[in-house]
C-alpha cells in the first residue's frame, strides 16, 4: 500500500484551503494572495491559454496574441517549448526563454488533414523533443470511423525530422505526459492509456521507456489510474497523480537507474502521498527542493508550491504555499520550472 506521510497529512489537506471565500467567478487575470510567496527561478504556467512566468513575486505575461499550452524548458532554462493552438490544429514551437523567436517544429496539417500536437518535453541536451501528436492517423468518416489517438513522437533538432516512438492503444485517446529523464537523452517516462482490470475499464499506467532499444516497462499496476509523471532534476524520483473515485492526489516514488523487466511490487505501490485533494500538473524546482502543482480550491485551480526533502526518503518539509488565489488556471496545461 502507499505510505501516507501521516504527520503532515492533516496540515497539507488544510494547506490547500487557505482561501476564506469561494471565488464568485473567473477574474479574467492571474491574482495573487494578500501574502505573496517568492518563487525561485522562473515558473511557467498558462491561464485561458495565455503564457505567464513567475520570477520572485513578479508575474509577467509572455507572447501576447498566441494561444499556448504545455510549456517546457531545458534544464538550463535557455530554451522554451510549448504547444500553440491554431483553430482546429496545434503545433510545437521552440523559442527562447521569453517565448520569442519561436519556430514551429511540427506541421499544422498533412496528408491526414489537420494535426494536433501537445505536451513537449526537451531532453537534457536540448537536441530532442518528445511530444504527442495524431500524425499518421488513418482517413476517417462517419461511415468508417478510424482511431485518431495521440501517439508519442520525437523530434531531432539535428536532422529536423520526427519519428514515432510509441503507437497508442486504439480508441483510448492515446498516450500522454512524455517526460525525458534528466541527464539522459534516451529515457522517457509517460502515461499509457489502455483498458485493464476485471471487468475491463479505462486505466492509466506509468511507463518507463528506453528510446535506444524501444523497451517499455510498466511502473504501476493494471487497473489503477496514475498519470502526469514529473521527474526530479537528479532523475531519482517521479512525482505523479494517482486518481481514485474521489481524489486526484499527488504522490512521489523512487525511480530505479534502469529497468529490464516489470518490477514487483510496482514502484507506485510504495509511493509517498504528498498532497490529497484534486491536484494536477506537478513540476519540480530546478534544485529538486520543491514541487509546484495546481490544486482545486473553492472552484478554482490555483498554483501551490510544496518544499520537499530527499534526505532518507522523499518527504515534505512544509505545508503547501498558495502562489495564486482564485485565478482559474489551466489545469490541463503543464507547468515548467527553470533556473
Protein backbone atom coordinates (compact mmCIF):
# COMPACT_ATOMS: atom_id res chain seq x y z
CA UNK A 1 0.00 0.00 0.00
CA UNK A 2 1.03 3.60 -0.49
CA UNK A 3 2.66 5.18 2.52
CA UNK A 4 0.97 8.43 3.51
CA UNK A 5 3.05 10.92 5.43
CA UNK A 6 0.70 10.88 8.38
CA UNK A 7 2.39 13.64 10.34
CA UNK A 8 1.77 16.12 7.56
CA UNK A 9 -1.50 14.89 6.09
CA UNK A 10 -3.84 16.95 8.22
CA UNK A 11 -1.75 20.07 7.73
CA UNK A 12 -1.40 19.57 4.00
CA UNK A 13 -5.09 18.93 3.49
CA UNK A 14 -5.80 22.28 5.11
CA UNK A 15 -2.97 23.96 3.23
CA UNK A 16 -4.97 23.98 0.02
CA UNK A 17 -7.88 25.64 1.80
CA UNK A 18 -6.29 28.92 2.78
CA UNK A 19 -8.88 30.88 0.81
CA UNK A 20 -11.60 32.24 3.06
CA UNK A 21 -14.25 32.74 0.38
CA UNK A 22 -15.15 30.95 -2.82
CA UNK A 23 -14.26 32.90 -5.96
CA UNK A 24 -17.55 34.18 -7.38
CA UNK A 25 -16.26 33.90 -10.93
CA UNK A 26 -13.13 33.88 -13.06
CA UNK A 27 -11.49 37.31 -12.58
CA UNK A 28 -10.02 37.14 -16.09
CA UNK A 29 -6.47 37.51 -14.79
CA UNK A 30 -3.96 35.81 -12.52
CA UNK A 31 -4.45 37.12 -9.00
CA UNK A 32 -2.12 36.78 -6.00
CA UNK A 33 -2.95 36.24 -2.32
CA UNK A 34 -2.52 39.05 0.18
CA UNK A 35 0.72 37.42 1.38
CA UNK A 36 2.86 36.94 -1.72
CA UNK A 37 5.24 34.00 -1.92
CA UNK A 38 8.56 34.43 -3.74
CA UNK A 39 9.17 31.84 -6.48
CA UNK A 40 12.83 30.98 -7.13
CA UNK A 41 13.87 30.78 -10.76
CA UNK A 42 11.19 31.06 -13.45
CA UNK A 43 7.94 29.10 -13.19
CA UNK A 44 5.81 28.98 -16.36
CA UNK A 45 2.05 28.39 -16.41
CA UNK A 46 -0.98 29.20 -18.54
CA UNK A 47 -4.33 30.81 -17.91
CA UNK A 48 -7.02 30.99 -20.59
CA UNK A 49 -4.28 29.73 -22.94
CA UNK A 50 -2.09 32.76 -22.23
CA UNK A 51 1.52 32.12 -21.16
CA UNK A 52 2.79 33.58 -17.88
CA UNK A 53 6.00 33.32 -15.88
CA UNK A 54 6.64 33.83 -12.15
CA UNK A 55 10.05 35.11 -11.03
CA UNK A 56 10.31 36.05 -7.37
CA UNK A 57 7.00 37.77 -6.64
CA UNK A 58 6.80 39.23 -10.14
CA UNK A 59 4.31 37.81 -12.66
CA UNK A 60 4.78 38.55 -16.37
CA UNK A 61 2.63 37.67 -19.35
CA UNK A 62 4.61 36.43 -22.35
CA UNK A 63 3.93 36.15 -26.10
CA UNK A 64 0.65 38.06 -26.20
CA UNK A 65 -1.69 37.09 -29.01
CA UNK A 66 -0.78 33.39 -29.03
CA UNK A 67 -2.91 30.54 -27.73
CA UNK A 68 -0.49 28.43 -25.70
CA UNK A 69 -0.48 25.15 -23.74
CA UNK A 70 2.09 22.92 -22.05
CA UNK A 71 5.27 25.00 -21.58
CA UNK A 72 8.51 23.01 -21.22
CA UNK A 73 12.12 24.11 -20.66
CA UNK A 74 15.63 22.74 -20.98
CA UNK A 75 17.41 22.09 -17.66
CA UNK A 76 19.49 25.24 -18.08
CA UNK A 77 16.37 27.29 -18.84
CA UNK A 78 17.78 28.54 -22.13
CA UNK A 79 15.08 27.17 -24.43
CA UNK A 80 11.32 27.08 -24.08
CA UNK A 81 8.90 24.81 -25.93
CA UNK A 82 5.12 24.96 -25.98
CA UNK A 83 2.06 23.88 -27.94
CA UNK A 84 0.49 26.68 -29.97
CA UNK A 85 -3.17 26.12 -30.81
CA UNK A 86 -4.37 27.38 -34.20
CA UNK A 87 -8.10 26.81 -34.64
CA UNK A 88 -8.57 23.09 -35.31
CA UNK A 89 -4.87 22.22 -35.08
CA UNK A 90 -1.81 22.85 -32.95
CA UNK A 91 1.97 22.83 -33.41
CA UNK A 92 5.01 22.51 -31.16
CA UNK A 93 7.09 25.70 -31.03
CA UNK A 94 10.71 26.07 -29.89
CA UNK A 95 11.58 29.55 -28.63
CA UNK A 96 13.93 31.42 -26.34
CA UNK A 97 13.26 31.71 -22.60
CA UNK A 98 10.88 34.63 -23.13
CA UNK A 99 8.77 32.75 -25.68
CA UNK A 100 10.04 34.92 -28.53
CA UNK A 101 11.84 33.97 -31.75
CA UNK A 102 9.73 30.84 -31.94
CA UNK A 103 9.92 28.27 -34.70
CA UNK A 104 7.39 25.51 -35.34
CA UNK A 105 8.94 22.04 -35.38
CA UNK A 106 5.72 20.23 -36.34
CA UNK A 107 3.22 20.81 -39.12
CA UNK A 108 -0.35 22.00 -38.57
CA UNK A 109 -1.59 19.68 -41.31
CA UNK A 110 -0.50 16.81 -43.52
CA UNK A 111 -1.96 14.19 -45.84
CA UNK A 112 -4.07 13.09 -42.86
CA UNK A 113 -5.67 16.55 -42.59
CA UNK A 114 -5.37 18.91 -39.63
CA UNK A 115 -2.97 17.70 -36.92
CA UNK A 116 -2.77 18.15 -33.16
CA UNK A 117 0.46 18.32 -31.15
CA UNK A 118 0.79 18.79 -27.38
CA UNK A 119 2.96 18.29 -24.26
CA UNK A 120 6.54 18.75 -25.45
CA UNK A 121 9.43 17.54 -23.30
CA UNK A 122 13.04 18.54 -24.01
CA UNK A 123 15.98 16.19 -23.50
CA UNK A 124 18.81 17.34 -21.23
CA UNK A 125 20.96 18.39 -24.19
CA UNK A 126 18.04 20.21 -25.82
CA UNK A 127 18.51 18.26 -29.05
CA UNK A 128 15.37 16.12 -28.83
CA UNK A 129 11.75 16.98 -28.18
CA UNK A 130 9.24 14.28 -27.27
CA UNK A 131 5.63 15.28 -27.89
CA UNK A 132 2.12 13.99 -28.57
CA UNK A 133 0.51 14.05 -31.98
CA UNK A 134 -2.18 12.34 -34.06
CA UNK A 135 0.15 12.36 -37.06
CA UNK A 136 -0.13 9.11 -39.01
CA UNK A 137 -3.84 8.65 -38.32
CA UNK A 138 -5.92 6.85 -40.93
CA UNK A 139 -8.58 8.58 -43.06
CA UNK A 140 -11.88 8.50 -41.21
CA UNK A 141 -15.50 9.37 -41.83
CA UNK A 142 -18.83 8.76 -40.02
CA UNK A 143 -19.39 5.58 -42.04
CA UNK A 144 -15.86 4.24 -41.42
CA UNK A 145 -14.51 5.61 -38.13
CA UNK A 146 -10.79 5.05 -37.60
CA UNK A 147 -8.79 5.72 -34.42
CA UNK A 148 -7.06 9.09 -34.18
CA UNK A 149 -5.40 8.58 -30.79
CA UNK A 150 -2.40 10.69 -29.79
CA UNK A 151 0.95 8.89 -30.00
CA UNK A 152 4.40 9.87 -28.72
CA UNK A 153 6.84 11.15 -31.33
CA UNK A 154 10.37 12.55 -31.09
CA UNK A 155 11.87 15.49 -32.97
CA UNK A 156 15.63 15.66 -33.59
CA UNK A 157 16.98 19.20 -33.95
CA UNK A 158 19.99 17.96 -35.94
CA UNK A 159 18.07 16.22 -38.70
CA UNK A 160 14.94 18.35 -38.16
CA UNK A 161 12.93 15.15 -38.55
CA UNK A 162 10.36 13.46 -36.31
CA UNK A 163 9.66 9.78 -35.84
CA UNK A 164 7.13 7.81 -33.86
CA UNK A 165 8.24 6.34 -30.51
CA UNK A 166 5.02 4.76 -29.27
CA UNK A 167 1.93 3.52 -31.12
CA UNK A 168 -1.03 4.08 -28.76
CA UNK A 169 -3.73 1.58 -27.89
CA UNK A 170 -6.64 2.32 -30.28
CA UNK A 171 -9.73 4.15 -29.07
CA UNK A 172 -8.19 5.19 -25.72
CA UNK A 173 -7.45 8.80 -26.64
CA UNK A 174 -3.77 7.91 -26.86
CA UNK A 175 -0.79 8.13 -24.55
CA UNK A 176 0.22 11.28 -22.70
CA UNK A 177 2.66 13.17 -20.49
CA UNK A 178 6.05 12.24 -22.05
CA UNK A 179 8.95 13.35 -19.83
CA UNK A 180 12.64 12.90 -20.60
CA UNK A 181 14.64 11.71 -17.62
CA UNK A 182 17.11 14.48 -16.68
CA UNK A 183 20.69 13.62 -17.51
CA UNK A 184 19.65 11.28 -20.33
CA UNK A 185 18.62 11.55 -23.96
CA UNK A 186 17.18 8.04 -24.27
CA UNK A 187 14.88 7.50 -21.27
CA UNK A 188 11.26 8.58 -21.10
CA UNK A 189 8.51 8.21 -18.54
CA UNK A 190 4.96 8.69 -19.80
CA UNK A 191 1.32 7.71 -19.27
CA UNK A 192 -0.07 4.73 -21.16
CA UNK A 193 -3.84 4.80 -21.52
CA UNK A 194 -5.44 1.42 -22.12
CA UNK A 195 -8.14 -0.91 -20.86
CA UNK A 196 -7.43 -3.16 -17.89
CA UNK A 197 -8.73 -4.80 -14.73
CA UNK A 198 -11.71 -7.10 -14.41
CA UNK A 199 -14.13 -6.08 -15.80
CA UNK A 200 -12.21 -4.07 -18.39
CA UNK A 201 -12.19 -0.36 -17.61
CA UNK A 202 -10.14 2.62 -18.83
CA UNK A 203 -6.88 2.74 -16.85
CA UNK A 204 -3.69 4.81 -16.86
CA UNK A 205 -0.28 3.23 -16.22
CA UNK A 206 3.04 4.98 -15.75
CA UNK A 207 5.54 3.61 -18.25
CA UNK A 208 9.35 3.76 -18.46
CA UNK A 209 10.87 3.56 -21.94
CA UNK A 210 14.33 3.26 -23.44
CA UNK A 211 14.27 5.09 -26.75
CA UNK A 212 17.56 3.38 -27.61
CA UNK A 213 16.15 -0.15 -27.78
CA UNK A 214 12.41 0.52 -27.60
CA UNK A 215 11.82 -1.47 -24.41
CA UNK A 216 8.87 -0.39 -22.24
CA UNK A 217 8.22 -1.26 -18.60
CA UNK A 218 5.06 -0.53 -16.61
CA UNK A 219 5.78 1.20 -13.28
CA UNK A 220 2.21 0.98 -11.96
CA UNK A 221 -0.19 -1.97 -11.74
CA UNK A 222 -3.06 -2.81 -14.02
CA UNK A 223 -6.46 -1.45 -13.02
CA UNK A 224 -5.27 1.83 -11.49
CA UNK A 225 -5.13 5.41 -12.76
CA UNK A 226 -1.68 7.01 -12.41
CA UNK A 227 -0.67 9.84 -14.72
CA UNK A 228 1.15 13.18 -15.24
CA UNK A 229 4.65 11.99 -14.26
CA UNK A 230 7.28 14.64 -13.47
CA UNK A 231 10.88 13.53 -12.89
CA UNK A 232 13.14 15.21 -10.31
CA UNK A 233 16.20 17.09 -11.66
CA UNK A 234 18.55 14.38 -10.37
CA UNK A 235 16.45 11.67 -12.06
CA UNK A 236 15.84 9.77 -8.80
CA UNK A 237 12.14 10.41 -8.19
CA UNK A 238 8.87 10.69 -10.08
CA UNK A 239 6.02 12.86 -8.88
CA UNK A 240 2.65 11.82 -10.31
CA UNK A 241 -1.10 11.96 -9.83
CA UNK A 242 -2.97 8.93 -8.50
CA UNK A 243 -6.73 9.06 -9.08
CA UNK A 244 -9.39 7.32 -7.03
CA UNK A 245 -13.14 7.75 -7.22
CA UNK A 246 -12.99 10.92 -5.11
CA UNK A 247 -9.48 12.43 -5.27
CA UNK A 248 -6.52 13.05 -7.54
CA UNK A 249 -3.67 13.00 -5.03
CA UNK A 250 -0.02 13.98 -5.52
CA UNK A 251 2.47 11.15 -4.87
CA UNK A 252 6.22 10.64 -5.26
CA UNK A 253 8.04 7.36 -5.92
CA UNK A 254 11.69 6.41 -6.46
CA UNK A 255 12.91 5.65 -9.99
CA UNK A 256 15.48 2.87 -10.50
CA UNK A 257 18.60 3.54 -12.55
CA UNK A 258 17.20 1.28 -15.28
CA UNK A 259 14.65 -1.47 -15.86
CA UNK A 260 14.97 -4.80 -17.68
CA UNK A 261 11.64 -6.29 -16.54
CA UNK A 262 8.46 -5.18 -14.82
CA UNK A 263 9.26 -4.67 -11.11
CA UNK A 264 7.28 -6.47 -8.42
CA UNK A 265 5.82 -4.82 -6.45
CA UNK A 266 5.17 -1.88 -8.73
CA UNK A 267 7.09 1.28 -7.76
CA UNK A 268 3.84 3.19 -7.37
CA UNK A 269 2.80 0.78 -4.61
CA UNK A 270 5.39 2.31 -2.28
CA UNK A 271 4.84 5.92 -3.33
CA UNK A 272 4.55 8.65 -0.71
CA UNK A 273 1.42 10.82 -0.58
CA UNK A 274 2.38 14.50 -0.51
CA UNK A 275 -0.96 16.23 -1.09
CA UNK A 276 -4.50 14.94 -1.14
CA UNK A 277 -7.37 16.67 -2.93
CA UNK A 278 -7.85 17.50 -6.61
CA UNK A 279 -4.27 18.07 -7.76
CA UNK A 280 -2.78 18.37 -11.25
CA UNK A 281 0.40 19.03 -13.25
CA UNK A 282 3.32 18.59 -10.81
CA UNK A 283 6.66 20.20 -11.69
CA UNK A 284 9.96 20.10 -9.78
CA UNK A 285 12.05 23.13 -8.92
CA UNK A 286 15.44 23.17 -10.69
CA UNK A 287 17.26 22.25 -7.46
CA UNK A 288 14.79 19.48 -6.56
CA UNK A 289 13.79 21.01 -3.22
CA UNK A 290 10.20 21.88 -4.13
CA UNK A 291 7.28 20.71 -6.25
CA UNK A 292 4.78 23.07 -7.84
CA UNK A 293 1.28 21.90 -8.69
CA UNK A 294 -2.23 23.09 -9.42
CA UNK A 295 -4.99 22.35 -6.92
CA UNK A 296 -8.73 22.88 -6.94
CA UNK A 297 -9.78 25.19 -4.11
CA UNK A 298 -13.21 26.82 -3.88
CA UNK A 299 -13.93 26.06 -7.52
CA UNK A 300 -10.64 27.44 -8.88
CA UNK A 301 -7.44 25.69 -9.88
CA UNK A 302 -4.57 27.65 -8.35
CA UNK A 303 -0.81 27.34 -8.11
CA UNK A 304 0.85 25.94 -4.98
CA UNK A 305 4.44 25.10 -4.04
CA UNK A 306 5.49 22.45 -1.51
CA UNK A 307 9.04 22.22 -0.13
CA UNK A 308 10.38 18.66 -0.05
CA UNK A 309 13.49 16.81 1.12
CA UNK A 310 15.05 13.62 -0.22
CA UNK A 311 17.19 13.01 2.85
CA UNK A 312 16.50 9.38 3.76
CA UNK A 313 13.25 9.16 1.79
CA UNK A 314 11.27 11.81 -0.02
CA UNK A 315 9.06 13.81 2.34
CA UNK A 316 7.55 17.30 2.66
CA UNK A 317 9.27 19.83 4.91
CA UNK A 318 6.45 22.38 4.92
CA UNK A 319 2.80 22.75 4.07
CA UNK A 320 1.92 23.79 0.53
CA UNK A 321 2.11 27.55 -0.04
CA UNK A 322 -0.52 29.39 -2.09
CA UNK A 323 1.04 31.28 -5.02
CA UNK A 324 -2.17 32.38 -6.76
CA UNK A 325 -5.69 32.90 -5.43
CA UNK A 326 -8.96 32.39 -7.31
CA UNK A 327 -7.23 32.52 -10.70
CA UNK A 328 -8.85 29.61 -12.58
CA UNK A 329 -5.57 28.45 -14.10
CA UNK A 330 -5.49 25.90 -16.96
CA UNK A 331 -5.40 22.55 -15.14
CA UNK A 332 -4.96 20.64 -18.42
CA UNK A 333 -1.76 22.51 -19.27
CA UNK A 334 1.64 21.63 -17.87
CA UNK A 335 3.82 23.74 -15.60
CA UNK A 336 7.53 24.25 -16.29
CA UNK A 337 10.22 25.43 -13.84
CA UNK A 338 13.59 26.82 -14.93
CA UNK A 339 16.60 28.27 -13.07
